[in-house]
Amino acid sequence: MVAVRLRPLWKNETDNNEVSIVKILDEKLVILRDPQDFDDEKNELRKNRTREKRYAFDFAFDENTETDKVF
């Protein structure tokens, strides 16, 4: 079995207005969004094109999950 846990952004990351590109769905599916999607929102050529990646795990926990639940 494979489990992953998303860490919260560090303070210096939030201070630099960085955003998380990771999203957890259904407690099994992890989606990594393309970081350029956030930078190129006005770029018309990339508008309908996505480079997101999807990964499936036995368990996927978000940044708010307590350690007790993980174990």
C-alpha atoms as a PDB file:
ATOM      1  CA  MET A   1       0.000   0.000   0.000  1.00  0.00           C
ATOM      2  CA  VAL A   2       1.120   3.509  -0.758  1.00  0.00           C
ATOM      3  CA  ALA A   3       0.009   6.636   1.108  1.00  0.00           C
ATOM      4  CA  VAL A   4       0.917  10.282   0.547  1.00  0.00           C
ATOM      5  CA  ARG A   5       0.373  13.322   2.706  1.00  0.00           C
ATOM      6  CA  LEU A   6       0.367  16.894   1.440  1.00  0.00           C
ATOM      7  CA  ARG A   7       2.329  19.293   3.570  1.00  0.00           C
ATOM      8  CA  PRO A   8       1.039  22.813   4.231  1.00  0.00           C
ATOM      9  CA  LEU A   9       2.830  25.740   2.649  1.00  0.00           C
ATOM     10  CA  TRP A  10       5.627  27.160   4.774  1.00  0.00           C
ATOM     11  CA  LYS A  11       5.394  30.695   6.100  1.00  0.00           C
ATOM     12  CA  ASN A  12       7.993  32.015   3.647  1.00  0.00           C
ATOM     13  CA  GLU A  13       6.003  30.471   0.783  1.00  0.00           C
ATOM     14  CA  THR A  14       2.774  32.173   1.834  1.00  0.00           C
ATOM     15  CA  ASP A  15       4.694  35.420   2.450  1.00  0.00           C
ATOM     16  CA  ASN A  16       5.863  35.259  -1.180  1.00  0.00           C
ATOM     17  CA  ASN A  17       2.235  34.785  -2.342  1.00  0.00           C
ATOM     18  CA  GLU A  18       2.965  31.276  -3.577  1.00  0.00           C
ATOM     19  CA  VAL A  19       0.051  28.889  -4.021  1.00  0.00           C
ATOM     20  CA  SER A  20      -0.199  25.128  -3.797  1.00  0.00           C
ATOM     21  CA  ILE A  21      -0.375  23.313  -7.112  1.00  0.00           C
ATOM     22  CA  VAL A  22      -1.495  20.076  -5.439  1.00  0.00           C
ATOM     23  CA  LYS A  23      -5.112  19.079  -4.934  1.00  0.00           C
ATOM     24  CA  ILE A  24      -6.388  15.930  -3.218  1.00  0.00           C
ATOM     25  CA  LEU A  25      -9.593  14.337  -4.549  1.00  0.00           C
ATOM     26  CA  ASP A  26     -11.512  11.372  -3.157  1.00  0.00           C
ATOM     27  CA  GLU A  27      -8.767  10.591  -0.602  1.00  0.00           C
ATOM     28  CA  LYS A  28      -7.015   8.579  -3.331  1.00  0.00           C
ATOM     29  CA  LEU A  29      -6.396  10.894  -6.276  1.00  0.00           C
ATOM     30  CA  VAL A  30      -3.694  13.574  -6.324  1.00  0.00           C
ATOM     31  CA  ILE A  31      -3.773  16.264  -9.002  1.00  0.00           C
ATOM     32  CA  LEU A  32      -0.719  18.378  -9.765  1.00  0.00           C
ATOM     33  CA  ARG A  33      -1.690  21.505 -11.626  1.00  0.00           C
ATOM     34  CA  ASP A  34       0.700  23.200 -14.017  1.00  0.00           C
ATOM     35  CA  PRO A  35       2.356  26.136 -12.205  1.00  0.00           C
ATOM     36  CA  GLN A  36       2.306  28.140 -15.429  1.00  0.00           C
ATOM     37  CA  ASP A  37      -1.495  28.064 -15.343  1.00  0.00           C
ATOM     38  CA  PHE A  38      -1.287  30.606 -12.545  1.00  0.00           C
ATOM     39  CA  ASP A  39       1.269  32.807 -14.324  1.00  0.00           C
ATOM     40  CA  ASP A  40      -0.233  32.668 -17.808  1.00  0.00           C
ATOM     41  CA  GLU A  41      -3.920  33.272 -17.068  1.00  0.00           C
ATOM     42  CA  LYS A  42      -3.945  35.997 -19.717  1.00  0.00           C
ATOM     43  CA  ASN A  43      -2.066  33.930 -22.288  1.00  0.00           C
ATOM     44  CA  GLU A  44      -4.677  33.090 -24.939  1.00  0.00           C
ATOM     45  CA  LEU A  45      -2.591  30.367 -26.586  1.00  0.00           C
ATOM     46  CA  ARG A  46      -2.472  28.240 -23.409  1.00  0.00           C
ATOM     47  CA  LYS A  47      -6.020  28.971 -22.304  1.00  0.00           C
ATOM     48  CA  ASN A  48      -7.588  25.639 -23.318  1.00  0.00           C
ATOM     49  CA  ARG A  49      -4.522  23.535 -22.745  1.00  0.00           C
ATOM     50  CA  THR A  50      -3.750  21.870 -19.467  1.00  0.00           C
ATOM     51  CA  ARG A  51      -0.681  20.024 -18.301  1.00  0.00           C
ATOM     52  CA  GLU A  52      -2.049  18.760 -15.043  1.00  0.00           C
ATOM     53  CA  LYS A  53      -0.912  15.354 -13.864  1.00  0.00           C
ATOM     54  CA  ARG A  54      -3.060  12.828 -11.976  1.00  0.00           C
ATOM     55  CA  TYR A  55      -1.742  10.166  -9.634  1.00  0.00           C
ATOM     56  CA  ALA A  56      -3.713   7.508  -7.761  1.00  0.00           C
ATOM     57  CA  PHE A  57      -2.647   6.137  -4.370  1.00  0.00           C
ATOM     58  CA  ASP A  58      -4.177   3.812  -1.828  1.00  0.00           C
ATOM     59  CA  PHE A  59      -4.487   6.796   0.517  1.00  0.00           C
ATOM     60  CA  ALA A  60      -3.974  10.513  -0.087  1.00  0.00           C
ATOM     61  CA  PHE A  61      -4.189  12.937   2.831  1.00  0.00           C
ATOM     62  CA  ASP A  62      -4.438  16.715   2.574  1.00  0.00           C
ATOM     63  CA  GLU A  63      -2.497  19.252   4.636  1.00  0.00           C
ATOM     64  CA  ASN A  64      -5.191  19.408   7.331  1.00  0.00           C
ATOM     65  CA  THR A  65      -5.184  15.700   8.173  1.00  0.00           C
ATOM     66  CA  GLU A  66      -4.161  14.846  11.719  1.00  0.00           C
ATOM     67  CA  THR A  67      -1.200  12.498  12.222  1.00  0.00           C
ATOM     68  CA  ASP A  68      -3.401  10.047  14.156  1.00  0.00           C
ATOM     69  CA  LYS A  69      -5.605   9.559  11.107  1.00  0.00           C
ATOM     70  CA  VAL A  70      -2.606   8.904   8.866  1.00  0.00           C
ATOM     71  CA  PHE A  71      -1.341   6.132  11.142  1.00  0.00           C
END
